[in-house]
Amino acid sequence: MVDKESQRGLMLIDAIFDKVCYSRNGREIMMVKRLREKAG
């Protein structure tokens, strides 16, 4: 089971990736990749 805090975190990540998918800014995409590397 996933607790509510983890679900919120996953929703936030989904929202960030939705934003990146629509963004044409390559720097933003690189920033998100770095954040994923740190978190993962």
N, C-alpha and C. Protein backbone atom coordinates (compact mmCIF):
# COMPACT_ATOMS: atom_id res chain seq x y z
N MET A 1 0.84 -1.21 0.00
CA MET A 1 0.00 0.00 0.00
C MET A 1 0.87 1.25 0.00
N VAL A 2 0.41 2.24 -0.74
CA VAL A 2 1.11 3.53 -0.79
C VAL A 2 0.38 4.51 0.11
N ASP A 3 1.12 5.13 1.03
CA ASP A 3 0.46 6.08 1.93
C ASP A 3 0.17 7.40 1.22
N LYS A 4 -0.63 8.25 1.89
CA LYS A 4 -1.10 9.48 1.25
C LYS A 4 0.06 10.41 0.89
N GLU A 5 1.06 10.47 1.74
CA GLU A 5 2.20 11.36 1.45
C GLU A 5 2.93 10.91 0.20
N SER A 6 3.10 9.60 0.04
CA SER A 6 3.77 9.09 -1.16
C SER A 6 2.93 9.37 -2.40
N GLN A 7 1.61 9.23 -2.27
CA GLN A 7 0.73 9.52 -3.41
C GLN A 7 0.86 10.98 -3.81
N ARG A 8 0.91 11.88 -2.83
CA ARG A 8 1.09 13.31 -3.14
C ARG A 8 2.39 13.53 -3.89
N GLY A 9 3.44 12.88 -3.44
CA GLY A 9 4.73 13.02 -4.11
C GLY A 9 4.68 12.54 -5.55
N LEU A 10 4.02 11.41 -5.77
CA LEU A 10 3.91 10.88 -7.13
C LEU A 10 3.09 11.81 -8.00
N MET A 11 2.01 12.39 -7.45
CA MET A 11 1.19 13.33 -8.21
C MET A 11 2.01 14.56 -8.58
N LEU A 12 2.85 15.02 -7.64
CA LEU A 12 3.69 16.18 -7.91
C LEU A 12 4.67 15.87 -9.03
N ILE A 13 5.28 14.69 -8.98
CA ILE A 13 6.22 14.29 -10.04
C ILE A 13 5.50 14.23 -11.39
N ASP A 14 4.29 13.66 -11.41
CA ASP A 14 3.52 13.59 -12.65
C ASP A 14 3.25 14.99 -13.18
N ALA A 15 2.91 15.93 -12.30
CA ALA A 15 2.63 17.30 -12.71
C ALA A 15 3.88 17.94 -13.30
N ILE A 16 5.04 17.69 -12.68
CA ILE A 16 6.29 18.25 -13.18
C ILE A 16 6.59 17.70 -14.57
N PHE A 17 6.42 16.39 -14.76
CA PHE A 17 6.72 15.81 -16.07
C PHE A 17 5.74 16.28 -17.12
N ASP A 18 4.46 16.49 -16.74
CA ASP A 18 3.49 17.05 -17.70
C ASP A 18 3.97 18.42 -18.14
N LYS A 19 4.45 19.22 -17.20
CA LYS A 19 4.94 20.57 -17.50
C LYS A 19 6.13 20.50 -18.44
N VAL A 20 7.06 19.58 -18.17
CA VAL A 20 8.25 19.45 -19.00
C VAL A 20 7.88 19.00 -20.41
N CYS A 21 6.91 18.08 -20.51
CA CYS A 21 6.52 17.58 -21.83
C CYS A 21 6.01 18.71 -22.71
N TYR A 22 5.31 19.66 -22.10
CA TYR A 22 4.77 20.77 -22.88
C TYR A 22 5.77 21.92 -23.01
N SER A 23 6.85 21.86 -22.24
CA SER A 23 7.83 22.94 -22.26
C SER A 23 8.84 22.72 -23.37
N ARG A 24 9.21 23.81 -24.04
CA ARG A 24 10.26 23.71 -25.07
C ARG A 24 11.62 24.10 -24.51
N ASN A 25 11.67 24.32 -23.21
CA ASN A 25 12.91 24.78 -22.59
C ASN A 25 13.77 23.58 -22.20
N GLY A 26 14.87 23.36 -22.94
CA GLY A 26 15.74 22.23 -22.68
C GLY A 26 16.38 22.27 -21.31
N ARG A 27 16.65 23.47 -20.79
CA ARG A 27 17.28 23.58 -19.47
C ARG A 27 16.36 23.02 -18.40
N GLU A 28 15.07 23.29 -18.54
CA GLU A 28 14.11 22.79 -17.54
C GLU A 28 14.12 21.27 -17.53
N ILE A 29 14.20 20.67 -18.71
CA ILE A 29 14.23 19.21 -18.80
C ILE A 29 15.49 18.67 -18.13
N MET A 30 16.63 19.30 -18.38
CA MET A 30 17.87 18.86 -17.75
C MET A 30 17.78 19.00 -16.24
N MET A 31 17.15 20.07 -15.76
CA MET A 31 17.02 20.29 -14.33
C MET A 31 16.21 19.16 -13.70
N VAL A 32 15.12 18.77 -14.37
CA VAL A 32 14.29 17.69 -13.84
C VAL A 32 15.06 16.38 -13.83
N LYS A 33 15.86 16.13 -14.86
CA LYS A 33 16.66 14.91 -14.90
C LYS A 33 17.63 14.88 -13.72
N ARG A 34 18.23 16.02 -13.42
CA ARG A 34 19.16 16.08 -12.29
C ARG A 34 18.43 15.82 -10.98
N LEU A 35 17.22 16.40 -10.84
CA LEU A 35 16.44 16.18 -9.63
C LEU A 35 16.10 14.71 -9.48
N ARG A 36 15.75 14.05 -10.58
CA ARG A 36 15.43 12.62 -10.53
C ARG A 36 16.66 11.82 -10.12
N GLU A 37 17.83 12.18 -10.63
CA GLU A 37 19.05 11.46 -10.27
C GLU A 37 19.34 11.60 -8.77
N LYS A 38 19.14 12.81 -8.24
CA LYS A 38 19.38 13.03 -6.81
C LYS A 38 18.37 12.23 -5.97
N ALA A 39 17.10 12.25 -6.40
CA ALA A 39 16.05 11.56 -5.65
C ALA A 39 16.17 10.05 -5.78
N GLY A 40 16.58 9.59 -6.97
CA GLY A 40 16.59 8.16 -7.24
C GLY A 40 17.83 7.46 -6.74
